[in-house]
Amino acid sequence: MKRVFAILILLLIALLAGCSISGGSQGVPPQTENVPSDNTTPTIPEEKDDLVTYGTESYRGFLLDNVYHSPSDGEIHFNVYIPASYTGSEPYALYFTLPGYEGLYFQGVGVNLRAEGYGFEAQKYNDKMIIVAPQLSDWGMTSARQTVDLVRYFLSAYNIDGTKVYANGYSGGGETMSQVMGLAPELFTAYLHCSAQWNGDLNVLAQAKTPVYMAIGRNDEYYGSARLISSYEQLVSIYREQGLKDEEIAKLARLDVKEADYFSGHGISNQHGGGGYFAYDGELMGWLFGQIKE
């Protein structure tokens, strides 16, 4: 009942603010602007096997509604962008982007890509990168386990550069990805946590020392910022108990609380929905794709 009530409140906030729950908000640049042009038929993976049923529809270079038939976690729906240059002869980077509530599978095929710009903006930072945009069923542990399973599939089925495996999670997708970071953070080079609370095990994250950038509006209408600030402080405390120095911790944990003028300066009136603008913020996205695992 609490979750149902939370969803109703979230929908009310979205309606009042005149924006979608997870990022199709006022002030967010249209995805057609400044995005690499790719109007060709999406690359269909050569690494075909019985574990994946590939979709037949496409959207701006993404092959939609592919299904990974996980031996342990059921059917996992995902959209994927594979650069035309990928042949498997050299390792490519890998990026997972998890959407907010409006991008979950029951909302419709490909709605996550139509609502959020992360998957398209990422192409600017590395043209040799496979981009996976899952459409999961919830923002809890079921989807977290499915995400881990899908990441492991891509790491085994494709020629992936293990030093360049990235992820971001926005809103409900951030809740899911934070739990992924509490299950298997060692799979990733770095993670960008956008406009969400942290639900994952910070001790597991700290053991792996996977760099994390947490960004949220000071007055995020759905989550607020206090809980994320508290999670960041807990993570810093764990690292200090490990004996790390402040400069070492700063490389592993970063908190960015955006003030009201950040949003108003971009014509955004709703801080939670406005978190979708983070996809277009070069500081945040540049930090993510600038990380390389040693």
C-alpha atoms as a PDB file:
ATOM      1  CA  MET A   1       0.000   0.000   0.000  1.00  0.00           C
ATOM      2  CA  LYS A   2       2.840   2.372   0.783  1.00  0.00           C
ATOM      3  CA  ARG A   3       4.329   1.803  -2.675  1.00  0.00           C
ATOM      4  CA  VAL A   4       0.952   2.371  -4.358  1.00  0.00           C
ATOM      5  CA  PHE A   5       0.503   5.592  -2.396  1.00  0.00           C
ATOM      6  CA  ALA A   6       4.032   6.699  -3.395  1.00  0.00           C
ATOM      7  CA  ILE A   7       3.248   6.093  -7.054  1.00  0.00           C
ATOM      8  CA  LEU A   8       0.042   8.139  -6.796  1.00  0.00           C
ATOM      9  CA  ILE A   9       1.940  11.013  -5.190  1.00  0.00           C
ATOM     10  CA  LEU A  10       4.599  10.819  -7.890  1.00  0.00           C
ATOM     11  CA  LEU A  11       1.983  10.938 -10.626  1.00  0.00           C
ATOM     12  CA  LEU A  12       0.330  13.938  -8.963  1.00  0.00           C
ATOM     13  CA  ILE A  13       3.672  15.773  -8.819  1.00  0.00           C
ATOM     14  CA  ALA A  14       4.241  15.068 -12.496  1.00  0.00           C
ATOM     15  CA  LEU A  15       0.816  16.351 -13.468  1.00  0.00           C
ATOM     16  CA  LEU A  16       1.151  19.488 -11.409  1.00  0.00           C
ATOM     17  CA  ALA A  17       4.614  20.217 -12.755  1.00  0.00           C
ATOM     18  CA  GLY A  18       3.601  19.598 -16.348  1.00  0.00           C
ATOM     19  CA  CYS A  19       6.408  17.118 -16.920  1.00  0.00           C
ATOM     20  CA  SER A  20       6.985  13.402 -17.075  1.00  0.00           C
ATOM     21  CA  ILE A  21       8.114  11.591 -13.964  1.00  0.00           C
ATOM     22  CA  SER A  22      11.579  10.844 -15.105  1.00  0.00           C
ATOM     23  CA  GLY A  23      12.881  13.406 -17.452  1.00  0.00           C
ATOM     24  CA  GLY A  24      10.744  14.578 -20.348  1.00  0.00           C
ATOM     25  CA  SER A  25      10.529  17.896 -18.564  1.00  0.00           C
ATOM     26  CA  GLN A  26      10.502  21.593 -19.313  1.00  0.00           C
ATOM     27  CA  GLY A  27      13.854  22.913 -20.351  1.00  0.00           C
ATOM     28  CA  VAL A  28      15.310  19.549 -21.410  1.00  0.00           C
ATOM     29  CA  PRO A  29      16.716  19.894 -24.922  1.00  0.00           C
ATOM     30  CA  PRO A  30      14.867  17.922 -27.589  1.00  0.00           C
ATOM     31  CA  GLN A  31      16.687  14.677 -28.292  1.00  0.00           C
ATOM     32  CA  THR A  32      16.900  15.582 -31.967  1.00  0.00           C
ATOM     33  CA  GLU A  33      19.374  18.359 -31.205  1.00  0.00           C
ATOM     34  CA  ASN A  34      23.121  17.806 -31.080  1.00  0.00           C
ATOM     35  CA  VAL A  35      22.801  14.041 -31.239  1.00  0.00           C
ATOM     36  CA  PRO A  36      24.840  11.941 -33.684  1.00  0.00           C
ATOM     37  CA  SER A  37      22.706  11.225 -36.734  1.00  0.00           C
ATOM     38  CA  ASP A  38      21.888   7.582 -37.240  1.00  0.00           C
ATOM     39  CA  ASN A  39      18.864   6.994 -39.408  1.00  0.00           C
ATOM     40  CA  THR A  40      20.102   3.671 -40.729  1.00  0.00           C
ATOM     41  CA  THR A  41      18.724   0.286 -39.803  1.00  0.00           C
ATOM     42  CA  PRO A  42      20.106  -0.719 -36.398  1.00  0.00           C
ATOM     43  CA  THR A  43      22.944  -3.182 -36.298  1.00  0.00           C
ATOM     44  CA  ILE A  44      21.611  -6.657 -35.599  1.00  0.00           C
ATOM     45  CA  PRO A  45      24.154  -8.541 -33.486  1.00  0.00           C
ATOM     46  CA  GLU A  46      26.044 -11.349 -35.118  1.00  0.00           C
ATOM     47  CA  GLU A  47      26.404 -12.974 -31.711  1.00  0.00           C
ATOM     48  CA  LYS A  48      23.026 -14.636 -32.113  1.00  0.00           C
ATOM     49  CA  ASP A  49      22.175 -17.435 -29.723  1.00  0.00           C
ATOM     50  CA  ASP A  50      19.154 -19.111 -28.246  1.00  0.00           C
ATOM     51  CA  LEU A  51      19.290 -16.856 -25.179  1.00  0.00           C
ATOM     52  CA  VAL A  52      18.125 -13.731 -27.032  1.00  0.00           C
ATOM     53  CA  THR A  53      15.115 -13.019 -29.207  1.00  0.00           C
ATOM     54  CA  TYR A  54      15.811  -9.876 -31.205  1.00  0.00           C
ATOM     55  CA  GLY A  55      13.177  -7.260 -31.917  1.00  0.00           C
ATOM     56  CA  THR A  56      12.034  -6.055 -35.327  1.00  0.00           C
ATOM     57  CA  GLU A  57      11.390  -2.355 -34.622  1.00  0.00           C
ATOM     58  CA  SER A  58      13.906   0.443 -34.316  1.00  0.00           C
ATOM     59  CA  TYR A  59      14.193   3.966 -32.986  1.00  0.00           C
ATOM     60  CA  ARG A  60      17.078   6.282 -33.854  1.00  0.00           C
ATOM     61  CA  GLY A  61      19.647   3.527 -34.153  1.00  0.00           C
ATOM     62  CA  PHE A  62      18.367   1.397 -31.272  1.00  0.00           C
ATOM     63  CA  LEU A  63      16.982  -2.070 -31.929  1.00  0.00           C
ATOM     64  CA  LEU A  64      13.873  -2.259 -29.740  1.00  0.00           C
ATOM     65  CA  ASP A  65      12.293  -4.892 -27.545  1.00  0.00           C
ATOM     66  CA  ASN A  66      14.942  -7.565 -27.540  1.00  0.00           C
ATOM     67  CA  VAL A  67      14.425 -10.271 -24.939  1.00  0.00           C
ATOM     68  CA  TYR A  68      17.158 -12.034 -23.003  1.00  0.00           C
ATOM     69  CA  HIS A  69      15.825 -15.372 -21.800  1.00  0.00           C
ATOM     70  CA  SER A  70      17.739 -15.591 -18.570  1.00  0.00           C
ATOM     71  CA  PRO A  71      18.202 -19.098 -17.176  1.00  0.00           C
ATOM     72  CA  SER A  72      17.787 -17.657 -13.681  1.00  0.00           C
ATOM     73  CA  ASP A  73      15.814 -14.393 -13.923  1.00  0.00           C
ATOM     74  CA  GLY A  74      13.184 -14.865 -16.611  1.00  0.00           C
ATOM     75  CA  GLU A  75      12.587 -12.665 -19.644  1.00  0.00           C
ATOM     76  CA  ILE A  76      14.496  -9.387 -19.625  1.00  0.00           C
ATOM     77  CA  HIS A  77      13.462  -6.749 -22.176  1.00  0.00           C
ATOM     78  CA  PHE A  78      16.051  -4.326 -23.498  1.00  0.00           C
ATOM     79  CA  ASN A  79      16.768  -1.915 -26.319  1.00  0.00           C
ATOM     80  CA  VAL A  80      20.291  -1.819 -27.704  1.00  0.00           C
ATOM     81  CA  TYR A  81      22.477   0.440 -29.810  1.00  0.00           C
ATOM     82  CA  ILE A  82      25.422  -1.277 -31.464  1.00  0.00           C
ATOM     83  CA  PRO A  83      27.665   0.986 -33.568  1.00  0.00           C
ATOM     84  CA  ALA A  84      27.875  -0.051 -37.213  1.00  0.00           C
ATOM     85  CA  SER A  85      31.649  -0.171 -36.747  1.00  0.00           C
ATOM     86  CA  TYR A  86      31.429  -3.002 -34.224  1.00  0.00           C
ATOM     87  CA  THR A  87      32.701  -6.288 -35.700  1.00  0.00           C
ATOM     88  CA  GLY A  88      33.887  -8.017 -32.556  1.00  0.00           C
ATOM     89  CA  SER A  89      37.514  -7.731 -33.612  1.00  0.00           C
ATOM     90  CA  GLU A  90      38.308  -5.084 -30.993  1.00  0.00           C
ATOM     91  CA  PRO A  91      36.878  -4.430 -27.534  1.00  0.00           C
ATOM     92  CA  TYR A  92      34.164  -1.789 -27.196  1.00  0.00           C
ATOM     93  CA  ALA A  93      32.967   0.093 -24.141  1.00  0.00           C
ATOM     94  CA  LEU A  94      29.593  -0.841 -22.621  1.00  0.00           C
ATOM     95  CA  TYR A  95      26.991   1.496 -21.120  1.00  0.00           C
ATOM     96  CA  PHE A  96      23.746   0.657 -19.336  1.00  0.00           C
ATOM     97  CA  THR A  97      21.108   3.343 -18.795  1.00  0.00           C
ATOM     98  CA  LEU A  98      18.117   2.646 -16.544  1.00  0.00           C
ATOM     99  CA  PRO A  99      15.081   4.937 -16.885  1.00  0.00           C
ATOM    100  CA  GLY A 100      12.598   6.402 -14.471  1.00  0.00           C
ATOM    101  CA  TYR A 101       9.089   5.096 -13.827  1.00  0.00           C
ATOM    102  CA  GLU A 102       7.735   6.247 -17.177  1.00  0.00           C
ATOM    103  CA  GLY A 103      10.305   4.120 -19.006  1.00  0.00           C
ATOM    104  CA  LEU A 104       9.438   0.726 -17.496  1.00  0.00           C
ATOM    105  CA  TYR A 105       8.318  -1.994 -19.883  1.00  0.00           C
ATOM    106  CA  PHE A 106       4.614  -1.882 -19.061  1.00  0.00           C
ATOM    107  CA  GLN A 107       4.570   1.747 -20.187  1.00  0.00           C
ATOM    108  CA  GLY A 108       5.323   0.726 -23.778  1.00  0.00           C
ATOM    109  CA  VAL A 109       8.174  -0.438 -25.964  1.00  0.00           C
ATOM    110  CA  GLY A 110      10.910   2.166 -26.354  1.00  0.00           C
ATOM    111  CA  VAL A 111       9.267   4.848 -24.204  1.00  0.00           C
ATOM    112  CA  ASN A 112      12.451   5.123 -22.129  1.00  0.00           C
ATOM    113  CA  LEU A 113      14.369   6.272 -25.210  1.00  0.00           C
ATOM    114  CA  ARG A 114      11.669   8.729 -26.187  1.00  0.00           C
ATOM    115  CA  ALA A 115      11.572  10.260 -22.706  1.00  0.00           C
ATOM    116  CA  GLU A 116      15.254  10.430 -21.765  1.00  0.00           C
ATOM    117  CA  GLY A 117      18.370  11.525 -23.599  1.00  0.00           C
ATOM    118  CA  TYR A 118      21.056   9.498 -21.828  1.00  0.00           C
ATOM    119  CA  GLY A 119      21.349   6.808 -24.495  1.00  0.00           C
ATOM    120  CA  PHE A 120      21.789   9.362 -27.267  1.00  0.00           C
ATOM    121  CA  GLU A 121      24.020  11.859 -25.488  1.00  0.00           C
ATOM    122  CA  ALA A 122      26.369   9.013 -24.501  1.00  0.00           C
ATOM    123  CA  GLN A 123      27.214   8.497 -28.166  1.00  0.00           C
ATOM    124  CA  LYS A 124      29.025  11.829 -28.149  1.00  0.00           C
ATOM    125  CA  TYR A 125      31.577  10.621 -25.618  1.00  0.00           C
ATOM    126  CA  ASN A 126      32.645   7.349 -27.215  1.00  0.00           C
ATOM    127  CA  ASP A 127      31.762   6.178 -30.729  1.00  0.00           C
ATOM    128  CA  LYS A 128      33.027   2.701 -29.875  1.00  0.00           C
ATOM    129  CA  MET A 129      30.478   1.897 -27.201  1.00  0.00           C
ATOM    130  CA  ILE A 130      27.543  -0.504 -27.066  1.00  0.00           C
ATOM    131  CA  ILE A 131      24.572   1.096 -25.282  1.00  0.00           C
ATOM    132  CA  VAL A 132      21.935  -0.995 -23.544  1.00  0.00           C
ATOM    133  CA  ALA A 133      18.658   0.575 -22.403  1.00  0.00           C
ATOM    134  CA  PRO A 134      16.742  -2.066 -20.431  1.00  0.00           C
ATOM    135  CA  GLN A 135      13.025  -1.816 -19.808  1.00  0.00           C
ATOM    136  CA  LEU A 136      12.451  -3.648 -16.570  1.00  0.00           C
ATOM    137  CA  SER A 137       9.347  -4.332 -14.499  1.00  0.00           C
ATOM    138  CA  ASP A 138      10.027  -2.485 -11.235  1.00  0.00           C
ATOM    139  CA  TRP A 139      12.603  -0.445  -9.333  1.00  0.00           C
ATOM    140  CA  GLY A 140      13.431  -3.120  -6.753  1.00  0.00           C
ATOM    141  CA  MET A 141      15.547  -6.204  -6.284  1.00  0.00           C
ATOM    142  CA  THR A 142      13.930  -8.190  -9.106  1.00  0.00           C
ATOM    143  CA  SER A 143      15.043  -5.621 -11.662  1.00  0.00           C
ATOM    144  CA  ALA A 144      18.422  -5.259  -9.955  1.00  0.00           C
ATOM    145  CA  ARG A 145      19.109  -8.977 -10.339  1.00  0.00           C
ATOM    146  CA  GLN A 146      17.932  -8.864 -13.941  1.00  0.00           C
ATOM    147  CA  THR A 147      20.255  -5.946 -14.654  1.00  0.00           C
ATOM    148  CA  VAL A 148      23.241  -7.817 -13.226  1.00  0.00           C
ATOM    149  CA  ASP A 149      22.290 -10.864 -15.296  1.00  0.00           C
ATOM    150  CA  LEU A 150      21.987  -8.802 -18.476  1.00  0.00           C
ATOM    151  CA  VAL A 151      25.321  -7.048 -17.887  1.00  0.00           C
ATOM    152  CA  ARG A 152      27.030 -10.399 -17.435  1.00  0.00           C
ATOM    153  CA  TYR A 153      25.444 -11.631 -20.640  1.00  0.00           C
ATOM    154  CA  PHE A 154      26.832  -8.698 -22.636  1.00  0.00           C
ATOM    155  CA  LEU A 155      30.266  -9.102 -21.057  1.00  0.00           C
ATOM    156  CA  SER A 156      30.349 -12.715 -22.169  1.00  0.00           C
ATOM    157  CA  ALA A 157      28.618 -12.459 -25.563  1.00  0.00           C
ATOM    158  CA  TYR A 158      30.423  -9.369 -26.893  1.00  0.00           C
ATOM    159  CA  ASN A 159      33.994  -8.188 -27.079  1.00  0.00           C
ATOM    160  CA  ILE A 160      33.819  -5.647 -24.232  1.00  0.00           C
ATOM    161  CA  ASP A 161      36.599  -3.522 -22.790  1.00  0.00           C
ATOM    162  CA  GLY A 162      36.315  -4.371 -19.100  1.00  0.00           C
ATOM    163  CA  THR A 163      37.975  -1.082 -18.157  1.00  0.00           C
ATOM    164  CA  LYS A 164      35.098   0.873 -19.716  1.00  0.00           C
ATOM    165  CA  VAL A 165      31.794  -0.459 -18.393  1.00  0.00           C
ATOM    166  CA  TYR A 166      29.469   2.367 -17.362  1.00  0.00           C
ATOM    167  CA  ALA A 167      25.983   2.867 -15.985  1.00  0.00           C
ATOM    168  CA  ASN A 168      23.544   5.529 -14.972  1.00  0.00           C
ATOM    169  CA  GLY A 169      20.211   5.265 -13.243  1.00  0.00           C
ATOM    170  CA  TYR A 170      17.613   8.009 -13.165  1.00  0.00           C
ATOM    171  CA  SER A 171      14.778   8.296 -10.613  1.00  0.00           C
ATOM    172  CA  GLY A 172      13.321   4.768 -10.186  1.00  0.00           C
ATOM    173  CA  GLY A 173      16.148   3.498 -12.386  1.00  0.00           C
ATOM    174  CA  GLY A 174      18.549   5.053  -9.890  1.00  0.00           C
ATOM    175  CA  GLU A 175      16.932   3.078  -7.084  1.00  0.00           C
ATOM    176  CA  THR A 176      17.446  -0.081  -9.138  1.00  0.00           C
ATOM    177  CA  MET A 177      21.035   0.712 -10.115  1.00  0.00           C
ATOM    178  CA  SER A 178      21.958   1.550  -6.526  1.00  0.00           C
ATOM    179  CA  GLN A 179      20.870  -1.984  -5.627  1.00  0.00           C
ATOM    180  CA  VAL A 180      22.948  -3.312  -8.511  1.00  0.00           C
ATOM    181  CA  MET A 181      25.880  -1.501  -6.900  1.00  0.00           C
ATOM    182  CA  GLY A 182      25.077  -3.433  -3.736  1.00  0.00           C
ATOM    183  CA  LEU A 183      25.107  -6.741  -5.627  1.00  0.00           C
ATOM    184  CA  ALA A 184      27.882  -6.611  -8.219  1.00  0.00           C
ATOM    185  CA  PRO A 185      29.646  -3.227  -8.327  1.00  0.00           C
ATOM    186  CA  GLU A 186      32.833  -4.908  -9.530  1.00  0.00           C
ATOM    187  CA  LEU A 187      31.259  -5.273 -12.998  1.00  0.00           C
ATOM    188  CA  PHE A 188      31.372  -1.513 -13.540  1.00  0.00           C
ATOM    189  CA  THR A 189      34.003   1.128 -14.098  1.00  0.00           C
ATOM    190  CA  ALA A 190      31.821   3.948 -12.733  1.00  0.00           C
ATOM    191  CA  TYR A 191      28.208   4.823 -11.998  1.00  0.00           C
ATOM    192  CA  LEU A 192      26.201   8.066 -12.318  1.00  0.00           C
ATOM    193  CA  HIS A 193      23.264   8.210  -9.861  1.00  0.00           C
ATOM    194  CA  CYS A 194      20.647  10.763 -10.929  1.00  0.00           C
ATOM    195  CA  SER A 195      17.734  12.208  -8.929  1.00  0.00           C
ATOM    196  CA  ALA A 196      17.071   9.179  -6.752  1.00  0.00           C
ATOM    197  CA  GLN A 197      17.506   7.811  -3.256  1.00  0.00           C
ATOM    198  CA  TRP A 198      20.146   5.155  -2.575  1.00  0.00           C
ATOM    199  CA  ASN A 199      18.829   1.698  -1.719  1.00  0.00           C
ATOM    200  CA  GLY A 200      21.902  -0.487  -2.242  1.00  0.00           C
ATOM    201  CA  ASP A 201      24.434  -1.928   0.204  1.00  0.00           C
ATOM    202  CA  LEU A 202      27.108   0.737   0.629  1.00  0.00           C
ATOM    203  CA  ASN A 203      29.513  -1.701   2.261  1.00  0.00           C
ATOM    204  CA  VAL A 204      29.555  -3.890  -0.842  1.00  0.00           C
ATOM    205  CA  LEU A 205      30.101  -0.821  -3.009  1.00  0.00           C
ATOM    206  CA  ALA A 206      32.958   0.349  -0.786  1.00  0.00           C
ATOM    207  CA  GLN A 207      34.668  -3.033  -0.954  1.00  0.00           C
ATOM    208  CA  ALA A 208      34.681  -2.849  -4.762  1.00  0.00           C
ATOM    209  CA  LYS A 209      35.680   0.834  -4.746  1.00  0.00           C
ATOM    210  CA  THR A 210      33.615   1.561  -7.834  1.00  0.00           C
ATOM    211  CA  PRO A 211      33.496   5.351  -8.357  1.00  0.00           C
ATOM    212  CA  VAL A 212      30.043   6.881  -7.923  1.00  0.00           C
ATOM    213  CA  TYR A 213      28.747  10.366  -8.764  1.00  0.00           C
ATOM    214  CA  MET A 214      25.490  11.253  -6.978  1.00  0.00           C
ATOM    215  CA  ALA A 215      23.488  14.178  -8.392  1.00  0.00           C
ATOM    216  CA  ILE A 216      20.138  15.518  -7.221  1.00  0.00           C
ATOM    217  CA  GLY A 217      18.205  18.747  -6.867  1.00  0.00           C
ATOM    218  CA  ARG A 218      18.309  20.355  -3.429  1.00  0.00           C
ATOM    219  CA  ASN A 219      14.511  20.410  -3.344  1.00  0.00           C
ATOM    220  CA  ASP A 220      13.755  17.354  -5.452  1.00  0.00           C
ATOM    221  CA  GLU A 221       9.957  17.165  -5.262  1.00  0.00           C
ATOM    222  CA  TYR A 222       9.801  13.380  -5.009  1.00  0.00           C
ATOM    223  CA  TYR A 223      12.857  12.300  -3.022  1.00  0.00           C
ATOM    224  CA  GLY A 224      14.170  15.456  -1.461  1.00  0.00           C
ATOM    225  CA  SER A 225      17.954  15.507  -1.113  1.00  0.00           C
ATOM    226  CA  ALA A 226      18.448  14.628   2.563  1.00  0.00           C
ATOM    227  CA  ARG A 227      18.412  10.854   2.112  1.00  0.00           C
ATOM    228  CA  LEU A 228      20.962  10.905  -0.685  1.00  0.00           C
ATOM    229  CA  ILE A 229      23.201  13.285   1.249  1.00  0.00           C
ATOM    230  CA  SER A 230      23.016  10.886   4.193  1.00  0.00           C
ATOM    231  CA  SER A 231      23.958   7.932   1.953  1.00  0.00           C
ATOM    232  CA  TYR A 232      26.925   9.862   0.598  1.00  0.00           C
ATOM    233  CA  GLU A 233      28.089  10.688   4.123  1.00  0.00           C
ATOM    234  CA  GLN A 234      27.776   7.035   5.122  1.00  0.00           C
ATOM    235  CA  LEU A 235      29.865   5.991   2.116  1.00  0.00           C
ATOM    236  CA  VAL A 236      32.548   8.549   2.968  1.00  0.00           C
ATOM    237  CA  SER A 237      32.572   7.290   6.558  1.00  0.00           C
ATOM    238  CA  ILE A 238      33.081   3.706   5.379  1.00  0.00           C
ATOM    239  CA  TYR A 239      36.000   4.751   3.202  1.00  0.00           C
ATOM    240  CA  ARG A 240      37.564   6.624   6.107  1.00  0.00           C
ATOM    241  CA  GLU A 241      37.234   3.524   8.256  1.00  0.00           C
ATOM    242  CA  GLN A 242      39.117   1.695   5.516  1.00  0.00           C
ATOM    243  CA  GLY A 243      41.933   4.184   5.998  1.00  0.00           C
ATOM    244  CA  LEU A 244      41.512   6.095   2.754  1.00  0.00           C
ATOM    245  CA  LYS A 245      42.605   9.712   2.590  1.00  0.00           C
ATOM    246  CA  ASP A 246      40.242  12.509   1.587  1.00  0.00           C
ATOM    247  CA  GLU A 247      41.785  12.862  -1.870  1.00  0.00           C
ATOM    248  CA  GLU A 248      41.329   9.132  -2.464  1.00  0.00           C
ATOM    249  CA  ILE A 249      37.730   9.258  -1.292  1.00  0.00           C
ATOM    250  CA  ALA A 250      37.013  12.208  -3.576  1.00  0.00           C
ATOM    251  CA  LYS A 251      37.855  10.014  -6.562  1.00  0.00           C
ATOM    252  CA  LEU A 252      35.438   7.317  -5.417  1.00  0.00           C
ATOM    253  CA  ALA A 253      32.467   9.283  -4.081  1.00  0.00           C
ATOM    254  CA  ARG A 254      31.161  12.558  -5.412  1.00  0.00           C
ATOM    255  CA  LEU A 255      28.026  14.420  -4.351  1.00  0.00           C
ATOM    256  CA  ASP A 256      26.486  17.165  -6.472  1.00  0.00           C
ATOM    257  CA  VAL A 257      23.400  18.834  -4.990  1.00  0.00           C
ATOM    258  CA  LYS A 258      21.971  21.178  -7.596  1.00  0.00           C
ATOM    259  CA  GLU A 259      20.483  24.428  -6.335  1.00  0.00           C
ATOM    260  CA  ALA A 260      17.344  26.070  -7.721  1.00  0.00           C
ATOM    261  CA  ASP A 261      19.261  28.369 -10.059  1.00  0.00           C
ATOM    262  CA  TYR A 262      20.732  25.361 -11.882  1.00  0.00           C
ATOM    263  CA  PHE A 263      17.247  24.357 -12.987  1.00  0.00           C
ATOM    264  CA  SER A 264      15.773  27.821 -13.483  1.00  0.00           C
ATOM    265  CA  GLY A 265      18.798  28.762 -15.563  1.00  0.00           C
ATOM    266  CA  HIS A 266      17.809  26.044 -18.020  1.00  0.00           C
ATOM    267  CA  GLY A 267      14.137  26.959 -17.993  1.00  0.00           C
ATOM    268  CA  ILE A 268      13.208  24.016 -15.762  1.00  0.00           C
ATOM    269  CA  SER A 269      10.584  24.513 -13.069  1.00  0.00           C
ATOM    270  CA  ASN A 270      10.516  21.002 -11.585  1.00  0.00           C
ATOM    271  CA  GLN A 271      13.690  19.682  -9.971  1.00  0.00           C
ATOM    272  CA  HIS A 272      12.808  15.995 -10.059  1.00  0.00           C
ATOM    273  CA  GLY A 273      11.625  15.922 -13.649  1.00  0.00           C
ATOM    274  CA  GLY A 274      14.399  18.402 -14.452  1.00  0.00           C
ATOM    275  CA  GLY A 275      16.939  15.789 -13.450  1.00  0.00           C
ATOM    276  CA  GLY A 276      16.521  14.517 -16.997  1.00  0.00           C
ATOM    277  CA  TYR A 277      18.690  17.472 -17.980  1.00  0.00           C
ATOM    278  CA  PHE A 278      21.658  15.721 -16.343  1.00  0.00           C
ATOM    279  CA  ALA A 279      22.001  13.753 -19.577  1.00  0.00           C
ATOM    280  CA  TYR A 280      23.018  17.012 -21.266  1.00  0.00           C
ATOM    281  CA  ASP A 281      25.358  18.165 -18.499  1.00  0.00           C
ATOM    282  CA  GLY A 282      28.916  17.758 -19.721  1.00  0.00           C
ATOM    283  CA  GLU A 283      30.356  17.788 -16.215  1.00  0.00           C
ATOM    284  CA  LEU A 284      28.313  14.798 -15.091  1.00  0.00           C
ATOM    285  CA  MET A 285      28.440  12.764 -18.289  1.00  0.00           C
ATOM    286  CA  GLY A 286      32.045  13.743 -18.925  1.00  0.00           C
ATOM    287  CA  TRP A 287      32.979  12.472 -15.463  1.00  0.00           C
ATOM    288  CA  LEU A 288      31.267   9.143 -16.117  1.00  0.00           C
ATOM    289  CA  PHE A 289      32.851   8.407 -19.476  1.00  0.00           C
ATOM    290  CA  GLY A 290      36.195   9.814 -18.393  1.00  0.00           C
ATOM    291  CA  GLN A 291      36.641   7.017 -15.860  1.00  0.00           C
ATOM    292  CA  ILE A 292      38.859   4.068 -16.784  1.00  0.00           C
ATOM    293  CA  LYS A 293      39.319   1.091 -14.480  1.00  0.00           C
ATOM    294  CA  GLU A 294      42.925   0.473 -13.531  1.00  0.00           C
END
